[in-house]
PDB file of N, CA and C in Angstrom:
ATOM      1  N   MET A   1     144.346 -61.474  21.819  1.00  0.00           N
ATOM      2  CA  MET A   1     142.939 -61.769  21.658  1.00  0.00           C
ATOM      3  C   MET A   1     142.184 -60.437  21.575  1.00  0.00           C
ATOM      4  N   SER A   2     141.253 -60.334  20.621  1.00  0.00           N
ATOM      5  CA  SER A   2     140.491 -59.101  20.445  1.00  0.00           C
ATOM      6  C   SER A   2     139.444 -58.941  21.548  1.00  0.00           C
ATOM      7  N   GLU A   3     138.880 -57.748  21.632  1.00  0.00           N
ATOM      8  CA  GLU A   3     137.854 -57.486  22.645  1.00  0.00           C
ATOM      9  C   GLU A   3     136.626 -58.363  22.412  1.00  0.00           C
ATOM     10  N   THR A   4     136.261 -58.552  21.129  1.00  0.00           N
ATOM     11  CA  THR A   4     135.113 -59.410  20.807  1.00  0.00           C
ATOM     12  C   THR A   4     135.371 -60.842  21.244  1.00  0.00           C
ATOM     13  N   GLU A   5     136.583 -61.347  20.976  1.00  0.00           N
ATOM     14  CA  GLU A   5     136.922 -62.708  21.400  1.00  0.00           C
ATOM     15  C   GLU A   5     136.894 -62.828  22.915  1.00  0.00           C
ATOM     16  N   ASN A   6     137.369 -61.802  23.612  1.00  0.00           N
ATOM     17  CA  ASN A   6     137.325 -61.808  25.082  1.00  0.00           C
ATOM     18  C   ASN A   6     135.891 -61.862  25.583  1.00  0.00           C
ATOM     19  N   GLN A   7     134.989 -61.095  24.939  1.00  0.00           N
ATOM     20  CA  GLN A   7     133.586 -61.105  25.344  1.00  0.00           C
ATOM     21  C   GLN A   7     132.979 -62.486  25.141  1.00  0.00           C
ATOM     22  N   ARG A   8     133.315 -63.144  24.013  1.00  0.00           N
ATOM     23  CA  ARG A   8     132.806 -64.502  23.758  1.00  0.00           C
ATOM     24  C   ARG A   8     133.298 -65.480  24.817  1.00  0.00           C
ATOM     25  N   HIS A   9     134.597 -65.385  25.150  1.00  0.00           N
ATOM     26  CA  HIS A   9     135.147 -66.268  26.179  1.00  0.00           C
ATOM     27  C   HIS A   9     134.485 -66.012  27.523  1.00  0.00           C
ATOM     28  N   ASP A  10     134.278 -64.724  27.854  1.00  0.00           N
ATOM     29  CA  ASP A  10     133.630 -64.392  29.120  1.00  0.00           C
ATOM     30  C   ASP A  10     132.219 -64.952  29.168  1.00  0.00           C
ATOM     31  N   LEU A  11     131.475 -64.812  28.071  1.00  0.00           N
ATOM     32  CA  LEU A  11     130.109 -65.318  28.024  1.00  0.00           C
ATOM     33  C   LEU A  11     130.101 -66.840  28.134  1.00  0.00           C
ATOM     34  N   LEU A  12     130.957 -67.505  27.372  1.00  0.00           N
ATOM     35  CA  LEU A  12     131.030 -68.972  27.469  1.00  0.00           C
ATOM     36  C   LEU A  12     131.435 -69.398  28.872  1.00  0.00           C
ATOM     37  N   ASP A  13     132.380 -68.694  29.453  1.00  0.00           N
ATOM     38  CA  ASP A  13     132.834 -69.019  30.800  1.00  0.00           C
ATOM     39  C   ASP A  13     131.680 -68.886  31.792  1.00  0.00           C
ATOM     40  N   GLU A  14     130.766 -67.954  31.514  1.00  0.00           N
ATOM     41  CA  GLU A  14     129.617 -67.734  32.385  1.00  0.00           C
ATOM     42  C   GLU A  14     128.575 -68.847  32.267  1.00  0.00           C
ATOM     43  N   VAL A  15     128.346 -69.372  31.071  1.00  0.00           N
ATOM     44  CA  VAL A  15     127.265 -70.354  30.869  1.00  0.00           C
ATOM     45  C   VAL A  15     127.759 -71.795  30.827  1.00  0.00           C
ATOM     46  N   LEU A  16     129.059 -72.000  30.651  1.00  0.00           N
ATOM     47  CA  LEU A  16     129.614 -73.341  30.524  1.00  0.00           C
ATOM     48  C   LEU A  16     130.054 -73.868  31.884  1.00  0.00           C
ATOM     49  N   HIS A  17     129.552 -75.042  32.231  1.00  0.00           N
ATOM     50  CA  HIS A  17     129.892 -75.677  33.500  1.00  0.00           C
ATOM     51  C   HIS A  17     130.575 -77.006  33.205  1.00  0.00           C
ATOM     52  N   PHE A  18     131.687 -77.236  33.862  1.00  0.00           N
ATOM     53  CA  PHE A  18     132.470 -78.445  33.628  1.00  0.00           C
ATOM     54  C   PHE A  18     132.031 -79.555  34.563  1.00  0.00           C
ATOM     55  N   GLY A  19     131.682 -80.690  33.958  1.00  0.00           N
ATOM     56  CA  GLY A  19     131.318 -81.869  34.726  1.00  0.00           C
ATOM     57  C   GLY A  19     132.531 -82.765  34.889  1.00  0.00           C
ATOM     58  N   ALA A  20     132.279 -84.040  35.013  1.00  0.00           N
ATOM     59  CA  ALA A  20     133.334 -85.021  35.257  1.00  0.00           C
ATOM     60  C   ALA A  20     134.214 -85.224  34.030  1.00  0.00           C
ATOM     61  N   GLY A  21     135.439 -85.648  34.283  1.00  0.00           N
ATOM     62  CA  GLY A  21     136.330 -86.093  33.224  1.00  0.00           C
ATOM     63  C   GLY A  21     137.378 -85.104  32.769  1.00  0.00           C
ATOM     64  N   PHE A  22     137.357 -83.881  33.267  1.00  0.00           N
ATOM     65  CA  PHE A  22     138.339 -82.892  32.842  1.00  0.00           C
ATOM     66  C   PHE A  22     139.479 -82.800  33.845  1.00  0.00           C
ATOM     67  N   LYS A  23     140.675 -82.616  33.310  1.00  0.00           N
ATOM     68  CA  LYS A  23     141.860 -82.459  34.152  1.00  0.00           C
ATOM     69  C   LYS A  23     142.027 -80.987  34.501  1.00  0.00           C
ATOM     70  N   ASP A  24     142.778 -80.742  35.568  1.00  0.00           N
ATOM     71  CA  ASP A  24     143.087 -79.363  35.957  1.00  0.00           C
ATOM     72  C   ASP A  24     143.784 -78.653  34.794  1.00  0.00           C
ATOM     73  N   GLY A  25     143.384 -77.441  34.550  1.00  0.00           N
ATOM     74  CA  GLY A  25     144.036 -76.638  33.513  1.00  0.00           C
ATOM     75  C   GLY A  25     143.473 -76.812  32.115  1.00  0.00           C
ATOM     76  N   GLU A  26     142.505 -77.708  31.915  1.00  0.00           N
ATOM     77  CA  GLU A  26     141.945 -77.909  30.576  1.00  0.00           C
ATOM     78  C   GLU A  26     140.851 -76.904  30.221  1.00  0.00           C
ATOM     79  N   GLN A  27     140.330 -76.193  31.206  1.00  0.00           N
ATOM     80  CA  GLN A  27     139.221 -75.273  30.950  1.00  0.00           C
ATOM     81  C   GLN A  27     139.552 -74.218  29.900  1.00  0.00           C
ATOM     82  N   PRO A  28     140.706 -73.542  29.956  1.00  0.00           N
ATOM     83  CA  PRO A  28     141.005 -72.546  28.914  1.00  0.00           C
ATOM     84  C   PRO A  28     141.049 -73.152  27.515  1.00  0.00           C
ATOM     85  N   TRP A  29     141.607 -74.333  27.388  1.00  0.00           N
ATOM     86  CA  TRP A  29     141.679 -75.008  26.092  1.00  0.00           C
ATOM     87  C   TRP A  29     140.280 -75.349  25.589  1.00  0.00           C
ATOM     88  N   VAL A  30     139.418 -75.834  26.480  1.00  0.00           N
ATOM     89  CA  VAL A  30     138.041 -76.176  26.107  1.00  0.00           C
ATOM     90  C   VAL A  30     137.280 -74.924  25.693  1.00  0.00           C
ATOM     91  N   LEU A  31     137.429 -73.840  26.422  1.00  0.00           N
ATOM     92  CA  LEU A  31     136.782 -72.576  26.054  1.00  0.00           C
ATOM     93  C   LEU A  31     137.211 -72.123  24.665  1.00  0.00           C
ATOM     94  N   GLU A  32     138.471 -72.267  24.356  1.00  0.00           N
ATOM     95  CA  GLU A  32     138.962 -71.899  23.023  1.00  0.00           C
ATOM     96  C   GLU A  32     138.374 -72.822  21.958  1.00  0.00           C
ATOM     97  N   ALA A  33     138.325 -74.122  22.244  1.00  0.00           N
ATOM     98  CA  ALA A  33     137.784 -75.084  21.280  1.00  0.00           C
ATOM     99  C   ALA A  33     136.306 -74.837  20.997  1.00  0.00           C
ATOM    100  N   LEU A  34     135.585 -74.322  21.989  1.00  0.00           N
ATOM    101  CA  LEU A  34     134.146 -74.077  21.831  1.00  0.00           C
ATOM    102  C   LEU A  34     133.830 -72.606  21.544  1.00  0.00           C
ATOM    103  N   SER A  35     134.828 -71.814  21.242  1.00  0.00           N
ATOM    104  CA  SER A  35     134.623 -70.377  21.060  1.00  0.00           C
ATOM    105  C   SER A  35     133.629 -70.057  19.943  1.00  0.00           C
ATOM    106  N   ALA A  36     133.463 -70.934  18.970  1.00  0.00           N
ATOM    107  CA  ALA A  36     132.490 -70.693  17.890  1.00  0.00           C
ATOM    108  C   ALA A  36     131.061 -70.661  18.415  1.00  0.00           C
ATOM    109  N   LEU A  37     130.840 -71.167  19.609  1.00  0.00           N
ATOM    110  CA  LEU A  37     129.506 -71.090  20.216  1.00  0.00           C
ATOM    111  C   LEU A  37     129.170 -69.675  20.669  1.00  0.00           C
ATOM    112  N   GLY A  38     130.174 -68.853  20.876  1.00  0.00           N
ATOM    113  CA  GLY A  38     129.985 -67.508  21.399  1.00  0.00           C
ATOM    114  C   GLY A  38     128.907 -66.698  20.701  1.00  0.00           C
ATOM    115  N   PRO A  39     128.967 -66.536  19.366  1.00  0.00           N
ATOM    116  CA  PRO A  39     127.944 -65.744  18.690  1.00  0.00           C
ATOM    117  C   PRO A  39     126.543 -66.328  18.815  1.00  0.00           C
ATOM    118  N   HIS A  40     126.445 -67.639  18.888  1.00  0.00           N
ATOM    119  CA  HIS A  40     125.140 -68.297  19.006  1.00  0.00           C
ATOM    120  C   HIS A  40     124.562 -68.105  20.403  1.00  0.00           C
ATOM    121  N   VAL A  41     125.401 -68.251  21.403  1.00  0.00           N
ATOM    122  CA  VAL A  41     124.965 -68.101  22.789  1.00  0.00           C
ATOM    123  C   VAL A  41     124.671 -66.634  23.105  1.00  0.00           C
ATOM    124  N   ALA A  42     125.374 -65.724  22.441  1.00  0.00           N
ATOM    125  CA  ALA A  42     125.221 -64.296  22.714  1.00  0.00           C
ATOM    126  C   ALA A  42     123.814 -63.785  22.398  1.00  0.00           C
ATOM    127  N   ARG A  43     123.060 -64.506  21.602  1.00  0.00           N
ATOM    128  CA  ARG A  43     121.689 -64.098  21.259  1.00  0.00           C
ATOM    129  C   ARG A  43     120.732 -64.242  22.434  1.00  0.00           C
ATOM    130  N   TRP A  44     121.141 -64.971  23.447  1.00  0.00           N
ATOM    131  CA  TRP A  44     120.261 -65.306  24.560  1.00  0.00           C
ATOM    132  C   TRP A  44     120.734 -64.618  25.823  1.00  0.00           C
ATOM    133  N   ASP A  45     119.821 -64.467  26.748  1.00  0.00           N
ATOM    134  CA  ASP A  45     120.154 -63.953  28.070  1.00  0.00           C
ATOM    135  C   ASP A  45     120.973 -65.032  28.779  1.00  0.00           C
ATOM    136  N   PRO A  46     122.159 -64.694  29.298  1.00  0.00           N
ATOM    137  CA  PRO A  46     122.990 -65.705  29.960  1.00  0.00           C
ATOM    138  C   PRO A  46     122.272 -66.438  31.090  1.00  0.00           C
ATOM    139  N   ASP A  47     121.277 -65.795  31.698  1.00  0.00           N
ATOM    140  CA  ASP A  47     120.525 -66.465  32.763  1.00  0.00           C
ATOM    141  C   ASP A  47     119.647 -67.590  32.213  1.00  0.00           C
ATOM    142  N   ASP A  48     119.384 -67.570  30.901  1.00  0.00           N
ATOM    143  CA  ASP A  48     118.541 -68.590  30.272  1.00  0.00           C
ATOM    144  C   ASP A  48     119.349 -69.712  29.625  1.00  0.00           C
ATOM    145  N   VAL A  49     120.673 -69.621  29.692  1.00  0.00           N
ATOM    146  CA  VAL A  49     121.538 -70.602  29.037  1.00  0.00           C
ATOM    147  C   VAL A  49     122.367 -71.314  30.091  1.00  0.00           C
ATOM    148  N   ASP A  50     122.370 -72.631  29.999  1.00  0.00           N
ATOM    149  CA  ASP A  50     123.171 -73.446  30.912  1.00  0.00           C
ATOM    150  C   ASP A  50     123.722 -74.615  30.115  1.00  0.00           C
ATOM    151  N   VAL A  51     125.016 -74.645  29.927  1.00  0.00           N
ATOM    152  CA  VAL A  51     125.670 -75.710  29.167  1.00  0.00           C
ATOM    153  C   VAL A  51     126.604 -76.451  30.105  1.00  0.00           C
ATOM    154  N   GLU A  52     126.335 -77.740  30.277  1.00  0.00           N
ATOM    155  CA  GLU A  52     127.229 -78.561  31.093  1.00  0.00           C
ATOM    156  C   GLU A  52     127.950 -79.527  30.172  1.00  0.00           C
ATOM    157  N   ILE A  53     129.242 -79.636  30.382  1.00  0.00           N
ATOM    158  CA  ILE A  53     130.059 -80.503  29.544  1.00  0.00           C
ATOM    159  C   ILE A  53     130.824 -81.468  30.444  1.00  0.00           C
ATOM    160  N   SER A  54     130.769 -82.734  30.081  1.00  0.00           N
ATOM    161  CA  SER A  54     131.549 -83.755  30.775  1.00  0.00           C
ATOM    162  C   SER A  54     132.095 -84.701  29.716  1.00  0.00           C
ATOM    163  N   VAL A  55     133.069 -85.482  30.098  1.00  0.00           N
ATOM    164  CA  VAL A  55     133.714 -86.349  29.119  1.00  0.00           C
ATOM    165  C   VAL A  55     134.050 -87.694  29.752  1.00  0.00           C
ATOM    166  N   LYS A  56     133.823 -88.743  28.969  1.00  0.00           N
ATOM    167  CA  LYS A  56     134.235 -90.093  29.379  1.00  0.00           C
ATOM    168  C   LYS A  56     135.460 -90.503  28.563  1.00  0.00           C
ATOM    169  N   ASP A  57     135.420 -90.197  27.263  1.00  0.00           N
ATOM    170  CA  ASP A  57     136.495 -90.550  26.341  1.00  0.00           C
ATOM    171  C   ASP A  57     137.494 -89.393  26.308  1.00  0.00           C
ATOM    172  N   ARG A  58     138.764 -89.681  26.352  1.00  0.00           N
ATOM    173  CA  ARG A  58     139.777 -88.619  26.391  1.00  0.00           C
ATOM    174  C   ARG A  58     140.111 -88.076  24.996  1.00  0.00           C
ATOM    175  N   ASN A  59     139.412 -88.516  23.929  1.00  0.00           N
ATOM    176  CA  ASN A  59     139.638 -87.964  22.578  1.00  0.00           C
ATOM    177  C   ASN A  59     138.907 -86.620  22.460  1.00  0.00           C
ATOM    178  N   LEU A  60     139.406 -85.607  23.152  1.00  0.00           N
ATOM    179  CA  LEU A  60     138.704 -84.342  23.312  1.00  0.00           C
ATOM    180  C   LEU A  60     138.514 -83.560  22.024  1.00  0.00           C
ATOM    181  N   ASP A  61     139.485 -83.565  21.123  1.00  0.00           N
ATOM    182  CA  ASP A  61     139.347 -82.782  19.896  1.00  0.00           C
ATOM    183  C   ASP A  61     138.084 -83.166  19.134  1.00  0.00           C
ATOM    184  N   ARG A  62     137.914 -84.444  18.886  1.00  0.00           N
ATOM    185  CA  ARG A  62     136.757 -84.931  18.131  1.00  0.00           C
ATOM    186  C   ARG A  62     135.455 -84.719  18.897  1.00  0.00           C
ATOM    187  N   VAL A  63     135.484 -85.025  20.158  1.00  0.00           N
ATOM    188  CA  VAL A  63     134.286 -84.918  20.990  1.00  0.00           C
ATOM    189  C   VAL A  63     133.821 -83.465  21.100  1.00  0.00           C
ATOM    190  N   LEU A  64     134.749 -82.545  21.301  1.00  0.00           N
ATOM    191  CA  LEU A  64     134.372 -81.134  21.406  1.00  0.00           C
ATOM    192  C   LEU A  64     133.826 -80.598  20.089  1.00  0.00           C
ATOM    193  N   ALA A  65     134.411 -81.014  18.975  1.00  0.00           N
ATOM    194  CA  ALA A  65     133.900 -80.576  17.665  1.00  0.00           C
ATOM    195  C   ALA A  65     132.470 -81.075  17.462  1.00  0.00           C
ATOM    196  N   GLU A  66     132.206 -82.328  17.816  1.00  0.00           N
ATOM    197  CA  GLU A  66     130.851 -82.877  17.693  1.00  0.00           C
ATOM    198  C   GLU A  66     129.880 -82.159  18.625  1.00  0.00           C
ATOM    199  N   ALA A  67     130.312 -81.908  19.846  1.00  0.00           N
ATOM    200  CA  ALA A  67     129.450 -81.227  20.818  1.00  0.00           C
ATOM    201  C   ALA A  67     129.138 -79.812  20.354  1.00  0.00           C
ATOM    202  N   LYS A  68     130.124 -79.133  19.812  1.00  0.00           N
ATOM    203  CA  LYS A  68     129.929 -77.764  19.325  1.00  0.00           C
ATOM    204  C   LYS A  68     128.899 -77.745  18.198  1.00  0.00           C
ATOM    205  N   ARG A  69     129.030 -78.654  17.231  1.00  0.00           N
ATOM    206  CA  ARG A  69     128.060 -78.722  16.122  1.00  0.00           C
ATOM    207  C   ARG A  69     126.656 -79.009  16.635  1.00  0.00           C
ATOM    208  N   GLU A  70     126.541 -79.933  17.565  1.00  0.00           N
ATOM    209  CA  GLU A  70     125.230 -80.292  18.108  1.00  0.00           C
ATOM    210  C   GLU A  70     124.609 -79.127  18.879  1.00  0.00           C
ATOM    211  N   LEU A  71     125.396 -78.438  19.662  1.00  0.00           N
ATOM    212  CA  LEU A  71     124.867 -77.288  20.409  1.00  0.00           C
ATOM    213  C   LEU A  71     124.421 -76.170  19.468  1.00  0.00           C
ATOM    214  N   ILE A  72     125.198 -75.911  18.426  1.00  0.00           N
ATOM    215  CA  ILE A  72     124.801 -74.892  17.446  1.00  0.00           C
ATOM    216  C   ILE A  72     123.503 -75.301  16.773  1.00  0.00           C
ATOM    217  N   ARG A  73     123.357 -76.579  16.423  1.00  0.00           N
ATOM    218  CA  ARG A  73     122.121 -77.063  15.797  1.00  0.00           C
ATOM    219  C   ARG A  73     120.933 -76.863  16.733  1.00  0.00           C
ATOM    220  N   GLN A  74     121.113 -77.208  18.005  1.00  0.00           N
ATOM    221  CA  GLN A  74     120.025 -77.040  18.966  1.00  0.00           C
ATOM    222  C   GLN A  74     119.647 -75.577  19.143  1.00  0.00           C
ATOM    223  N   ILE A  75     120.632 -74.705  19.192  1.00  0.00           N
ATOM    224  CA  ILE A  75     120.365 -73.272  19.332  1.00  0.00           C
ATOM    225  C   ILE A  75     119.612 -72.756  18.118  1.00  0.00           C
ATOM    226  N   GLU A  76     120.053 -73.134  16.930  1.00  0.00           N
ATOM    227  CA  GLU A  76     119.387 -72.681  15.704  1.00  0.00           C
ATOM    228  C   GLU A  76     117.960 -73.227  15.614  1.00  0.00           C
ATOM    229  N   ASP A  77     117.757 -74.478  16.004  1.00  0.00           N
ATOM    230  CA  ASP A  77     116.405 -75.054  16.017  1.00  0.00           C
ATOM    231  C   ASP A  77     115.507 -74.299  16.983  1.00  0.00           C
ATOM    232  N   HIS A  78     116.025 -73.999  18.149  1.00  0.00           N
ATOM    233  CA  HIS A  78     115.240 -73.276  19.150  1.00  0.00           C
ATOM    234  C   HIS A  78     114.919 -71.860  18.670  1.00  0.00           C
ATOM    235  N   LYS A  79     115.888 -71.233  18.028  1.00  0.00           N
ATOM    236  CA  LYS A  79     115.670 -69.886  17.488  1.00  0.00           C
ATOM    237  C   LYS A  79     114.574 -69.923  16.424  1.00  0.00           C
ATOM    238  N   ALA A  80     114.590 -70.924  15.564  1.00  0.00           N
ATOM    239  CA  ALA A  80     113.587 -71.042  14.503  1.00  0.00           C
ATOM    240  C   ALA A  80     112.199 -71.274  15.086  1.00  0.00           C
ATOM    241  N   MET A  81     112.101 -72.019  16.190  1.00  0.00           N
ATOM    242  CA  MET A  81     110.799 -72.252  16.821  1.00  0.00           C
ATOM    243  C   MET A  81     110.234 -70.973  17.409  1.00  0.00           C
ATOM    244  N   ARG A  82     111.094 -70.084  17.869  1.00  0.00           N
ATOM    245  CA  ARG A  82     110.650 -68.832  18.483  1.00  0.00           C
ATOM    246  C   ARG A  82     110.303 -67.773  17.448  1.00  0.00           C
ATOM    247  N   GLU A  83     110.805 -67.934  16.217  1.00  0.00           N
ATOM    248  CA  GLU A  83     110.567 -66.952  15.175  1.00  0.00           C
ATOM    249  C   GLU A  83     109.115 -67.018  14.722  1.00  0.00           C
ATOM    250  N   PRO A  84     108.465 -65.870  14.515  1.00  0.00           N
ATOM    251  CA  PRO A  84     107.077 -65.889  14.049  1.00  0.00           C
ATOM    252  C   PRO A  84     106.944 -66.660  12.733  1.00  0.00           C
ATOM    253  N   LYS A  85     105.865 -67.400  12.604  1.00  0.00           N
ATOM    254  CA  LYS A  85     105.677 -68.280  11.451  1.00  0.00           C
ATOM    255  C   LYS A  85     105.742 -67.509  10.137  1.00  0.00           C
ATOM    256  N   HIS A  86     105.142 -66.331  10.063  1.00  0.00           N
ATOM    257  CA  HIS A  86     105.132 -65.601   8.798  1.00  0.00           C
ATOM    258  C   HIS A  86     106.535 -65.203   8.353  1.00  0.00           C
ATOM    259  N   ASN A  87     107.452 -64.968   9.278  1.00  0.00           N
ATOM    260  CA  ASN A  87     108.835 -64.651   8.904  1.00  0.00           C
ATOM    261  C   ASN A  87     109.542 -65.867   8.326  1.00  0.00           C
ATOM    262  N   ARG A  88     109.271 -67.047   8.863  1.00  0.00           N
ATOM    263  CA  ARG A  88     109.881 -68.270   8.338  1.00  0.00           C
ATOM    264  C   ARG A  88     109.427 -68.518   6.909  1.00  0.00           C
ATOM    265  N   GLN A  89     108.128 -68.321   6.648  1.00  0.00           N
ATOM    266  CA  GLN A  89     107.602 -68.547   5.304  1.00  0.00           C
ATOM    267  C   GLN A  89     108.203 -67.551   4.327  1.00  0.00           C
ATOM    268  N   LEU A  90     108.315 -66.294   4.711  1.00  0.00           N
ATOM    269  CA  LEU A  90     108.908 -65.283   3.856  1.00  0.00           C
ATOM    270  C   LEU A  90     110.358 -65.624   3.549  1.00  0.00           C
ATOM    271  N   ARG A  91     111.119 -66.051   4.557  1.00  0.00           N
ATOM    272  CA  ARG A  91     112.521 -66.391   4.349  1.00  0.00           C
ATOM    273  C   ARG A  91     112.664 -67.582   3.413  1.00  0.00           C
ATOM    274  N   LYS A  92     111.782 -68.595   3.543  1.00  0.00           N
ATOM    275  CA  LYS A  92     111.843 -69.759   2.658  1.00  0.00           C
ATOM    276  C   LYS A  92     111.599 -69.344   1.216  1.00  0.00           C
ATOM    277  N   LYS A  93     110.622 -68.457   0.977  1.00  0.00           N
ATOM    278  CA  LYS A  93     110.343 -67.998  -0.381  1.00  0.00           C
ATOM    279  C   LYS A  93     111.549 -67.262  -0.948  1.00  0.00           C
ATOM    280  N   THR A  94     112.151 -66.414  -0.163  1.00  0.00           N
ATOM    281  CA  THR A  94     113.323 -65.660  -0.613  1.00  0.00           C
ATOM    282  C   THR A  94     114.474 -66.604  -0.924  1.00  0.00           C
ATOM    283  N   THR A  95     114.679 -67.593  -0.089  1.00  0.00           N
ATOM    284  CA  THR A  95     115.757 -68.562  -0.289  1.00  0.00           C
ATOM    285  C   THR A  95     115.517 -69.373  -1.547  1.00  0.00           C
ATOM    286  N   ARG A  96     114.296 -69.810  -1.770  1.00  0.00           N
ATOM    287  CA  ARG A  96     113.979 -70.602  -2.960  1.00  0.00           C
ATOM    288  C   ARG A  96     114.196 -69.795  -4.233  1.00  0.00           C
ATOM    289  N   SER A  97     113.747 -68.531  -4.256  1.00  0.00           N
ATOM    290  CA  SER A  97     113.919 -67.734  -5.468  1.00  0.00           C
ATOM    291  C   SER A  97     115.409 -67.466  -5.724  1.00  0.00           C
ATOM    292  N   ALA A  98     116.185 -67.264  -4.692  1.00  0.00           N
ATOM    293  CA  ALA A  98     117.616 -67.071  -4.852  1.00  0.00           C
ATOM    294  C   ALA A  98     118.267 -68.346  -5.370  1.00  0.00           C
ATOM    295  N   ALA A  99     117.811 -69.502  -4.885  1.00  0.00           N
ATOM    296  CA  ALA A  99     118.359 -70.777  -5.334  1.00  0.00           C
ATOM    297  C   ALA A  99     118.036 -71.006  -6.808  1.00  0.00           C
ATOM    298  N   ARG A 100     116.810 -70.637  -7.230  1.00  0.00           N
ATOM    299  CA  ARG A 100     116.442 -70.802  -8.638  1.00  0.00           C
ATOM    300  C   ARG A 100     117.306 -69.916  -9.532  1.00  0.00           C
ATOM    301  N   ARG A 101     117.557 -68.686  -9.098  1.00  0.00           N
ATOM    302  CA  ARG A 101     118.395 -67.790  -9.897  1.00  0.00           C
ATOM    303  C   ARG A 101     119.809 -68.332  -9.991  1.00  0.00           C
ATOM    304  N   THR A 102     120.306 -68.899  -8.914  1.00  0.00           N
ATOM    305  CA  THR A 102     121.660 -69.455  -8.915  1.00  0.00           C
ATOM    306  C   THR A 102     121.735 -70.696  -9.789  1.00  0.00           C
ATOM    307  N   ALA A 103     120.735 -71.556  -9.694  1.00  0.00           N
ATOM    308  CA  ALA A 103     120.732 -72.799 -10.471  1.00  0.00           C
ATOM    309  C   ALA A 103     120.497 -72.535 -11.955  1.00  0.00           C
ATOM    310  N   GLY A 104     119.741 -71.501 -12.279  1.00  0.00           N
ATOM    311  CA  GLY A 104     119.374 -71.217 -13.679  1.00  0.00           C
ATOM    312  C   GLY A 104     120.448 -70.584 -14.412  1.00  0.00           C
TER     313      GLY A 104
END
């Protein structure tokens, strides 16, 4: 595992709290399954992030993938709300002009 991957795991391990439904020894596997959250969570102060995960259904692969997508969406939405309005408008204009050039 690279140093960057270790940092992501350490950060996730710091903000991720396991609730009900997990068996002993599943934490490392869950951390690996959610490792894509690392870059998204790294943008925030770990003291401001608290992720609790629990499970009722034992179909963990599907559930973790859905949870990961939802958490990334929430993080991106929150980031967009914090971004100054004028930057959002500028980015939309740039994206639209790039899309027109690609489509044309």
